[in-house]
Amino acid sequence: MNFTSSRPEDLLFDAARRGDVATLQALLQQGVDVNAQDGRGFTALILAAYDGHLDATRLLLEAGANPNVHDASGNTALMGVSFKGYPEIAQLLIQHGADLDARNGNNGTALMFATLFGRHNIVPILLQAGADTTLRDVRGLSARDLAIQQGNEEALKLLGEE
């Protein structure tokens, strides 16, 4: 498969959004940069992970995608799946070296996202992998503080706080 687009990266981003593994493979074989970023700083990995495409995420990671690239807001793929609640993808990203305590533009972390949005299937994964529960965002709030603000008793239990 030969691609004549002046921006084959755009095809990569589109395939990642759709979870189109065959097209991703073909583009990568043609030499498209697996870590290319679009105008918002999204990589194919960030897009595939955020949209819940496990096989596409795996392929991109195996092809050398960096799980610690930040988008223009400072968010990583792990933050995206912590927001959306995809445990298998979170585990895969962690296995491939995702920074558990990466900070976005608001100093938010994946654990804060999971806590804030009630992703109780993600919190234990992050904690078991060693996420720091003491980090604070720009407002000075920790994951525990966010759980309290939300009245999220389940998250408090998961965080070891009752």
N, C-alpha and C. Protein backbone atom coordinates (compact mmCIF):
# COMPACT_ATOMS: atom_id res chain seq x y z
N MET A 1 0.85 -1.17 0.00
CA MET A 1 0.00 0.00 0.00
C MET A 1 0.90 1.24 0.00
N ASN A 2 0.71 2.11 -0.97
CA ASN A 2 1.47 3.36 -1.03
C ASN A 2 0.53 4.52 -0.78
N PHE A 3 1.00 5.48 0.00
CA PHE A 3 0.19 6.64 0.34
C PHE A 3 0.84 7.86 -0.28
N THR A 4 0.03 8.63 -0.97
CA THR A 4 0.56 9.80 -1.65
C THR A 4 0.16 11.10 -0.95
N SER A 5 -0.57 11.03 0.13
CA SER A 5 -0.97 12.22 0.87
C SER A 5 0.28 12.97 1.31
N SER A 6 0.19 14.30 1.24
CA SER A 6 1.31 15.08 1.75
C SER A 6 1.36 15.01 3.27
N ARG A 7 0.30 14.54 3.89
CA ARG A 7 0.26 14.40 5.35
C ARG A 7 -0.21 12.99 5.70
N PRO A 8 0.66 12.00 5.52
CA PRO A 8 0.25 10.63 5.88
C PRO A 8 -0.06 10.51 7.37
N GLU A 9 0.47 11.44 8.17
CA GLU A 9 0.16 11.42 9.60
C GLU A 9 -1.35 11.59 9.83
N ASP A 10 -1.99 12.38 8.98
CA ASP A 10 -3.44 12.57 9.12
C ASP A 10 -4.18 11.24 8.93
N LEU A 11 -3.67 10.42 8.02
CA LEU A 11 -4.26 9.09 7.81
C LEU A 11 -4.04 8.22 9.05
N LEU A 12 -2.86 8.37 9.65
CA LEU A 12 -2.54 7.63 10.87
C LEU A 12 -3.51 8.01 12.00
N PHE A 13 -3.73 9.31 12.17
CA PHE A 13 -4.63 9.78 13.22
C PHE A 13 -6.05 9.27 12.99
N ASP A 14 -6.49 9.32 11.74
CA ASP A 14 -7.84 8.85 11.41
C ASP A 14 -7.98 7.36 11.67
N ALA A 15 -6.98 6.58 11.28
CA ALA A 15 -7.02 5.13 11.51
C ALA A 15 -7.01 4.82 13.01
N ALA A 16 -6.26 5.59 13.77
CA ALA A 16 -6.22 5.39 15.23
C ALA A 16 -7.58 5.66 15.86
N ARG A 17 -8.23 6.74 15.43
CA ARG A 17 -9.57 7.07 15.96
C ARG A 17 -10.56 5.94 15.69
N ARG A 18 -10.42 5.29 14.54
CA ARG A 18 -11.34 4.21 14.15
C ARG A 18 -10.90 2.86 14.69
N GLY A 19 -9.67 2.77 15.16
CA GLY A 19 -9.15 1.48 15.60
C GLY A 19 -8.84 0.56 14.45
N ASP A 20 -8.51 1.13 13.32
CA ASP A 20 -8.25 0.39 12.08
C ASP A 20 -6.80 -0.14 12.08
N VAL A 21 -6.63 -1.33 12.61
CA VAL A 21 -5.30 -1.92 12.79
C VAL A 21 -4.61 -2.15 11.44
N ALA A 22 -5.32 -2.62 10.45
CA ALA A 22 -4.71 -2.90 9.15
C ALA A 22 -4.12 -1.63 8.53
N THR A 23 -4.86 -0.54 8.58
CA THR A 23 -4.36 0.71 8.02
C THR A 23 -3.20 1.25 8.86
N LEU A 24 -3.29 1.13 10.17
CA LEU A 24 -2.18 1.54 11.02
C LEU A 24 -0.91 0.77 10.66
N GLN A 25 -1.03 -0.55 10.51
CA GLN A 25 0.12 -1.38 10.15
C GLN A 25 0.72 -0.93 8.82
N ALA A 26 -0.14 -0.70 7.84
CA ALA A 26 0.34 -0.30 6.52
C ALA A 26 1.06 1.05 6.58
N LEU A 27 0.50 1.99 7.31
CA LEU A 27 1.12 3.31 7.42
C LEU A 27 2.47 3.23 8.14
N LEU A 28 2.52 2.45 9.19
CA LEU A 28 3.77 2.31 9.93
C LEU A 28 4.83 1.62 9.07
N GLN A 29 4.41 0.63 8.27
CA GLN A 29 5.35 -0.03 7.37
C GLN A 29 5.88 0.92 6.31
N GLN A 30 5.08 1.93 5.97
CA GLN A 30 5.52 2.94 5.00
C GLN A 30 6.42 4.00 5.65
N GLY A 31 6.62 3.90 6.96
CA GLY A 31 7.54 4.81 7.63
C GLY A 31 6.91 6.03 8.28
N VAL A 32 5.59 6.04 8.40
CA VAL A 32 4.95 7.17 9.07
C VAL A 32 5.38 7.16 10.54
N ASP A 33 5.70 8.33 11.06
CA ASP A 33 6.19 8.49 12.42
C ASP A 33 5.10 8.12 13.43
N VAL A 34 5.33 7.08 14.20
CA VAL A 34 4.35 6.59 15.17
C VAL A 34 4.08 7.63 16.26
N ASN A 35 5.02 8.55 16.47
CA ASN A 35 4.86 9.56 17.51
C ASN A 35 4.51 10.95 16.97
N ALA A 36 4.10 11.01 15.71
CA ALA A 36 3.69 12.30 15.13
C ALA A 36 2.53 12.87 15.93
N GLN A 37 2.47 14.20 16.00
CA GLN A 37 1.39 14.87 16.73
C GLN A 37 0.62 15.78 15.79
N ASP A 38 -0.70 15.86 16.03
CA ASP A 38 -1.53 16.77 15.24
C ASP A 38 -1.49 18.16 15.88
N GLY A 39 -2.31 19.07 15.39
CA GLY A 39 -2.31 20.44 15.86
C GLY A 39 -2.69 20.60 17.33
N ARG A 40 -3.36 19.62 17.89
CA ARG A 40 -3.73 19.66 19.31
C ARG A 40 -2.78 18.84 20.17
N GLY A 41 -1.74 18.34 19.53
CA GLY A 41 -0.74 17.56 20.25
C GLY A 41 -1.10 16.10 20.40
N PHE A 42 -2.21 15.67 19.80
CA PHE A 42 -2.61 14.27 19.90
C PHE A 42 -1.71 13.40 19.05
N THR A 43 -1.35 12.24 19.58
CA THR A 43 -0.66 11.22 18.82
C THR A 43 -1.68 10.14 18.45
N ALA A 44 -1.29 9.26 17.57
CA ALA A 44 -2.16 8.13 17.24
C ALA A 44 -2.45 7.31 18.49
N LEU A 45 -1.45 7.16 19.36
CA LEU A 45 -1.65 6.41 20.59
C LEU A 45 -2.68 7.07 21.49
N ILE A 46 -2.57 8.36 21.69
CA ILE A 46 -3.55 9.07 22.52
C ILE A 46 -4.95 8.86 21.95
N LEU A 47 -5.10 8.98 20.65
CA LEU A 47 -6.41 8.84 20.01
C LEU A 47 -6.96 7.42 20.12
N ALA A 48 -6.14 6.43 19.82
CA ALA A 48 -6.60 5.04 19.88
C ALA A 48 -6.99 4.67 21.31
N ALA A 49 -6.16 5.05 22.26
CA ALA A 49 -6.43 4.73 23.67
C ALA A 49 -7.70 5.42 24.14
N TYR A 50 -7.83 6.70 23.85
CA TYR A 50 -8.99 7.49 24.29
C TYR A 50 -10.30 6.93 23.72
N ASP A 51 -10.22 6.42 22.50
CA ASP A 51 -11.43 5.88 21.87
C ASP A 51 -11.64 4.41 22.19
N GLY A 52 -10.82 3.84 23.07
CA GLY A 52 -11.05 2.49 23.56
C GLY A 52 -10.64 1.36 22.63
N HIS A 53 -9.71 1.61 21.75
CA HIS A 53 -9.29 0.60 20.77
C HIS A 53 -8.06 -0.15 21.29
N LEU A 54 -8.30 -1.24 21.99
CA LEU A 54 -7.24 -2.01 22.63
C LEU A 54 -6.22 -2.54 21.62
N ASP A 55 -6.67 -3.16 20.55
CA ASP A 55 -5.74 -3.75 19.57
C ASP A 55 -4.90 -2.68 18.88
N ALA A 56 -5.52 -1.56 18.55
CA ALA A 56 -4.77 -0.47 17.91
C ALA A 56 -3.76 0.12 18.89
N THR A 57 -4.16 0.24 20.15
CA THR A 57 -3.24 0.74 21.17
C THR A 57 -2.05 -0.20 21.31
N ARG A 58 -2.31 -1.48 21.36
CA ARG A 58 -1.24 -2.47 21.47
C ARG A 58 -0.29 -2.38 20.28
N LEU A 59 -0.84 -2.32 19.09
CA LEU A 59 -0.01 -2.23 17.88
C LEU A 59 0.88 -1.00 17.93
N LEU A 60 0.33 0.14 18.29
CA LEU A 60 1.10 1.38 18.33
C LEU A 60 2.22 1.31 19.37
N LEU A 61 1.90 0.75 20.53
CA LEU A 61 2.93 0.60 21.57
C LEU A 61 4.05 -0.34 21.10
N GLU A 62 3.67 -1.44 20.47
CA GLU A 62 4.67 -2.39 19.97
C GLU A 62 5.51 -1.80 18.85
N ALA A 63 4.94 -0.79 18.17
CA ALA A 63 5.66 -0.12 17.08
C ALA A 63 6.53 1.02 17.62
N GLY A 64 6.53 1.20 18.93
CA GLY A 64 7.40 2.21 19.52
C GLY A 64 6.73 3.50 19.94
N ALA A 65 5.42 3.54 19.96
CA ALA A 65 4.73 4.76 20.41
C ALA A 65 5.11 5.07 21.85
N ASN A 66 5.38 6.32 22.11
CA ASN A 66 5.78 6.77 23.43
C ASN A 66 4.51 7.04 24.26
N PRO A 67 4.29 6.28 25.34
CA PRO A 67 3.08 6.47 26.13
C PRO A 67 3.10 7.74 26.98
N ASN A 68 4.22 8.45 26.99
CA ASN A 68 4.35 9.62 27.84
C ASN A 68 4.31 10.96 27.11
N VAL A 69 3.93 10.93 25.84
CA VAL A 69 3.77 12.17 25.10
C VAL A 69 2.55 12.90 25.65
N HIS A 70 2.70 14.21 25.82
CA HIS A 70 1.61 15.06 26.31
C HIS A 70 0.97 15.78 25.12
N ASP A 71 -0.36 15.93 25.16
CA ASP A 71 -1.02 16.74 24.15
C ASP A 71 -0.86 18.22 24.53
N ALA A 72 -1.50 19.11 23.79
CA ALA A 72 -1.35 20.54 24.02
C ALA A 72 -1.84 20.97 25.40
N SER A 73 -2.72 20.19 26.01
CA SER A 73 -3.21 20.50 27.36
C SER A 73 -2.38 19.81 28.44
N GLY A 74 -1.42 19.03 28.01
CA GLY A 74 -0.57 18.31 28.94
C GLY A 74 -1.06 16.93 29.30
N ASN A 75 -2.13 16.48 28.66
CA ASN A 75 -2.69 15.17 28.96
C ASN A 75 -1.97 14.06 28.20
N THR A 76 -1.88 12.90 28.85
CA THR A 76 -1.27 11.72 28.25
C THR A 76 -2.34 10.69 27.91
N ALA A 77 -1.94 9.65 27.23
CA ALA A 77 -2.87 8.57 26.91
C ALA A 77 -3.44 7.95 28.19
N LEU A 78 -2.61 7.79 29.22
CA LEU A 78 -3.10 7.21 30.47
C LEU A 78 -4.14 8.11 31.14
N MET A 79 -3.96 9.39 31.04
CA MET A 79 -4.97 10.31 31.58
C MET A 79 -6.29 10.15 30.83
N GLY A 80 -6.20 10.01 29.51
CA GLY A 80 -7.41 9.84 28.71
C GLY A 80 -8.18 8.59 29.07
N VAL A 81 -7.47 7.47 29.24
CA VAL A 81 -8.18 6.23 29.58
C VAL A 81 -8.64 6.24 31.03
N SER A 82 -7.99 7.02 31.86
CA SER A 82 -8.44 7.15 33.24
C SER A 82 -9.73 7.98 33.30
N PHE A 83 -9.85 8.92 32.41
CA PHE A 83 -11.08 9.70 32.27
C PHE A 83 -12.22 8.85 31.70
N LYS A 84 -11.90 8.05 30.69
CA LYS A 84 -12.92 7.26 30.01
C LYS A 84 -13.25 5.95 30.72
N GLY A 85 -12.27 5.37 31.42
CA GLY A 85 -12.53 4.14 32.17
C GLY A 85 -12.26 2.85 31.41
N TYR A 86 -11.11 2.75 30.76
CA TYR A 86 -10.74 1.55 30.01
C TYR A 86 -9.62 0.81 30.75
N PRO A 87 -9.96 -0.14 31.63
CA PRO A 87 -8.93 -0.78 32.46
C PRO A 87 -7.88 -1.57 31.67
N GLU A 88 -8.29 -2.29 30.63
CA GLU A 88 -7.32 -3.09 29.88
C GLU A 88 -6.29 -2.20 29.19
N ILE A 89 -6.76 -1.08 28.69
CA ILE A 89 -5.83 -0.16 28.02
C ILE A 89 -4.94 0.52 29.05
N ALA A 90 -5.48 0.86 30.21
CA ALA A 90 -4.66 1.44 31.27
C ALA A 90 -3.54 0.49 31.65
N GLN A 91 -3.86 -0.78 31.83
CA GLN A 91 -2.84 -1.78 32.18
C GLN A 91 -1.78 -1.89 31.08
N LEU A 92 -2.22 -1.90 29.85
CA LEU A 92 -1.30 -2.00 28.72
C LEU A 92 -0.35 -0.80 28.68
N LEU A 93 -0.88 0.39 28.87
CA LEU A 93 -0.04 1.59 28.87
C LEU A 93 0.98 1.54 30.01
N ILE A 94 0.54 1.10 31.18
CA ILE A 94 1.44 0.99 32.33
C ILE A 94 2.54 -0.03 32.04
N GLN A 95 2.16 -1.17 31.45
CA GLN A 95 3.15 -2.20 31.10
C GLN A 95 4.20 -1.66 30.13
N HIS A 96 3.82 -0.67 29.35
CA HIS A 96 4.74 -0.09 28.36
C HIS A 96 5.39 1.20 28.88
N GLY A 97 5.35 1.40 30.18
CA GLY A 97 6.11 2.49 30.77
C GLY A 97 5.41 3.82 30.92
N ALA A 98 4.08 3.84 30.88
CA ALA A 98 3.37 5.10 31.08
C ALA A 98 3.69 5.67 32.45
N ASP A 99 3.96 6.95 32.49
CA ASP A 99 4.28 7.65 33.74
C ASP A 99 2.99 7.80 34.54
N LEU A 100 2.90 7.09 35.64
CA LEU A 100 1.70 7.12 36.48
C LEU A 100 1.39 8.50 37.02
N ASP A 101 2.42 9.28 37.26
CA ASP A 101 2.25 10.57 37.92
C ASP A 101 2.52 11.76 37.01
N ALA A 102 2.42 11.54 35.70
CA ALA A 102 2.56 12.65 34.76
C ALA A 102 1.52 13.71 35.13
N ARG A 103 1.89 14.97 34.92
CA ARG A 103 1.01 16.08 35.27
C ARG A 103 0.58 16.81 34.01
N ASN A 104 -0.68 17.21 33.96
CA ASN A 104 -1.15 18.01 32.83
C ASN A 104 -1.01 19.50 33.16
N GLY A 105 -1.59 20.36 32.34
CA GLY A 105 -1.47 21.79 32.54
C GLY A 105 -2.06 22.30 33.83
N ASN A 106 -2.94 21.53 34.45
CA ASN A 106 -3.54 21.89 35.74
C ASN A 106 -2.92 21.08 36.88
N ASN A 107 -1.81 20.42 36.60
CA ASN A 107 -1.13 19.52 37.53
C ASN A 107 -1.99 18.31 37.89
N GLY A 108 -2.99 18.03 37.08
CA GLY A 108 -3.80 16.84 37.28
C GLY A 108 -3.05 15.59 36.87
N THR A 109 -3.41 14.47 37.48
CA THR A 109 -2.80 13.17 37.19
C THR A 109 -3.88 12.18 36.75
N ALA A 110 -3.44 11.05 36.26
CA ALA A 110 -4.38 10.00 35.87
C ALA A 110 -5.23 9.57 37.07
N LEU A 111 -4.62 9.46 38.24
CA LEU A 111 -5.38 9.08 39.44
C LEU A 111 -6.44 10.12 39.78
N MET A 112 -6.12 11.38 39.61
CA MET A 112 -7.11 12.43 39.85
C MET A 112 -8.27 12.32 38.87
N PHE A 113 -7.96 12.05 37.59
CA PHE A 113 -9.01 11.87 36.59
C PHE A 113 -9.92 10.71 36.98
N ALA A 114 -9.32 9.57 37.31
CA ALA A 114 -10.10 8.38 37.65
C ALA A 114 -10.98 8.64 38.87
N THR A 115 -10.44 9.34 39.85
CA THR A 115 -11.19 9.64 41.07
C THR A 115 -12.31 10.63 40.77
N LEU A 116 -11.98 11.70 40.09
CA LEU A 116 -12.95 12.75 39.81
C LEU A 116 -14.13 12.24 38.99
N PHE A 117 -13.87 11.35 38.05
CA PHE A 117 -14.93 10.88 37.15
C PHE A 117 -15.49 9.52 37.54
N GLY A 118 -15.18 9.08 38.75
CA GLY A 118 -15.77 7.85 39.27
C GLY A 118 -15.40 6.60 38.51
N ARG A 119 -14.20 6.54 38.00
CA ARG A 119 -13.74 5.35 37.28
C ARG A 119 -13.13 4.38 38.27
N HIS A 120 -14.02 3.71 39.01
CA HIS A 120 -13.59 2.81 40.08
C HIS A 120 -12.87 1.57 39.57
N ASN A 121 -12.96 1.31 38.28
CA ASN A 121 -12.23 0.20 37.68
C ASN A 121 -10.78 0.59 37.36
N ILE A 122 -10.47 1.87 37.38
CA ILE A 122 -9.13 2.35 37.05
C ILE A 122 -8.32 2.65 38.31
N VAL A 123 -8.97 3.18 39.33
CA VAL A 123 -8.27 3.59 40.55
C VAL A 123 -7.39 2.47 41.11
N PRO A 124 -7.90 1.24 41.29
CA PRO A 124 -7.05 0.18 41.85
C PRO A 124 -5.85 -0.16 40.96
N ILE A 125 -6.02 -0.08 39.66
CA ILE A 125 -4.92 -0.36 38.74
C ILE A 125 -3.80 0.65 38.95
N LEU A 126 -4.17 1.91 39.04
CA LEU A 126 -3.17 2.96 39.24
C LEU A 126 -2.50 2.84 40.60
N LEU A 127 -3.30 2.55 41.62
CA LEU A 127 -2.73 2.41 42.97
C LEU A 127 -1.79 1.23 43.05
N GLN A 128 -2.20 0.10 42.49
CA GLN A 128 -1.35 -1.10 42.52
C GLN A 128 -0.03 -0.86 41.78
N ALA A 129 -0.08 -0.06 40.73
CA ALA A 129 1.12 0.23 39.97
C ALA A 129 2.01 1.27 40.66
N GLY A 130 1.48 1.92 41.70
CA GLY A 130 2.30 2.84 42.47
C GLY A 130 2.01 4.32 42.27
N ALA A 131 0.83 4.67 41.78
CA ALA A 131 0.49 6.09 41.61
C ALA A 131 0.57 6.81 42.96
N ASP A 132 1.07 8.03 42.92
CA ASP A 132 1.25 8.85 44.12
C ASP A 132 -0.07 9.50 44.51
N THR A 133 -0.58 9.17 45.67
CA THR A 133 -1.87 9.72 46.14
C THR A 133 -1.72 11.10 46.77
N THR A 134 -0.49 11.55 46.97
CA THR A 134 -0.29 12.82 47.66
C THR A 134 -0.14 14.02 46.73
N LEU A 135 -0.04 13.78 45.43
CA LEU A 135 0.12 14.89 44.49
C LEU A 135 -1.11 15.78 44.51
N ARG A 136 -0.88 17.07 44.22
CA ARG A 136 -1.97 18.06 44.25
C ARG A 136 -2.01 18.83 42.94
N ASP A 137 -3.23 19.18 42.53
CA ASP A 137 -3.41 19.95 41.31
C ASP A 137 -3.17 21.43 41.59
N VAL A 138 -3.43 22.29 40.60
CA VAL A 138 -3.16 23.72 40.76
C VAL A 138 -4.03 24.36 41.84
N ARG A 139 -5.13 23.73 42.18
CA ARG A 139 -6.00 24.26 43.25
C ARG A 139 -5.58 23.72 44.61
N GLY A 140 -4.55 22.86 44.62
CA GLY A 140 -4.09 22.29 45.87
C GLY A 140 -4.84 21.05 46.30
N LEU A 141 -5.59 20.44 45.37
CA LEU A 141 -6.42 19.28 45.69
C LEU A 141 -5.74 17.98 45.30
N SER A 142 -5.80 17.00 46.18
CA SER A 142 -5.30 15.65 45.91
C SER A 142 -6.44 14.80 45.37
N ALA A 143 -6.13 13.57 44.98
CA ALA A 143 -7.18 12.64 44.53
C ALA A 143 -8.21 12.44 45.65
N ARG A 144 -7.74 12.33 46.87
CA ARG A 144 -8.63 12.16 48.02
C ARG A 144 -9.55 13.38 48.16
N ASP A 145 -8.98 14.58 48.03
CA ASP A 145 -9.78 15.80 48.12
C ASP A 145 -10.86 15.83 47.05
N LEU A 146 -10.51 15.40 45.85
CA LEU A 146 -11.48 15.36 44.76
C LEU A 146 -12.61 14.38 45.06
N ALA A 147 -12.25 13.23 45.62
CA ALA A 147 -13.27 12.24 46.00
C ALA A 147 -14.21 12.82 47.05
N ILE A 148 -13.66 13.52 48.01
CA ILE A 148 -14.50 14.15 49.05
C ILE A 148 -15.42 15.19 48.43
N GLN A 149 -14.88 16.04 47.56
CA GLN A 149 -15.68 17.07 46.88
C GLN A 149 -16.85 16.45 46.13
N GLN A 150 -16.60 15.31 45.51
CA GLN A 150 -17.63 14.65 44.70
C GLN A 150 -18.57 13.79 45.54
N GLY A 151 -18.28 13.65 46.82
CA GLY A 151 -19.08 12.75 47.65
C GLY A 151 -18.91 11.31 47.20
N ASN A 152 -17.74 10.98 46.71
CA ASN A 152 -17.47 9.68 46.10
C ASN A 152 -16.89 8.73 47.15
N GLU A 153 -17.79 8.10 47.89
CA GLU A 153 -17.39 7.19 48.97
C GLU A 153 -16.60 5.99 48.45
N GLU A 154 -16.99 5.48 47.29
CA GLU A 154 -16.29 4.33 46.72
C GLU A 154 -14.83 4.67 46.42
N ALA A 155 -14.59 5.84 45.84
CA ALA A 155 -13.22 6.25 45.56
C ALA A 155 -12.44 6.42 46.85
N LEU A 156 -13.07 6.97 47.88
CA LEU A 156 -12.39 7.11 49.17
C LEU A 156 -11.98 5.75 49.72
N LYS A 157 -12.86 4.76 49.60
CA LYS A 157 -12.52 3.41 50.05
C LYS A 157 -11.35 2.85 49.25
N LEU A 158 -11.39 3.06 47.94
CA LEU A 158 -10.31 2.55 47.08
C LEU A 158 -8.98 3.23 47.42
N LEU A 159 -9.05 4.49 47.77
CA LEU A 159 -7.86 5.25 48.12
C LEU A 159 -7.38 4.93 49.54
N GLY A 160 -8.16 4.12 50.25
CA GLY A 160 -7.79 3.74 51.61
C GLY A 160 -8.20 4.75 52.63
N GLU A 161 -9.16 5.58 52.28
CA GLU A 161 -9.65 6.62 53.18
C GLU A 161 -11.15 6.43 53.37
N GLU A 162 -11.59 6.42 54.61
CA GLU A 162 -13.04 6.31 54.84
C GLU A 162 -13.52 7.43 55.69
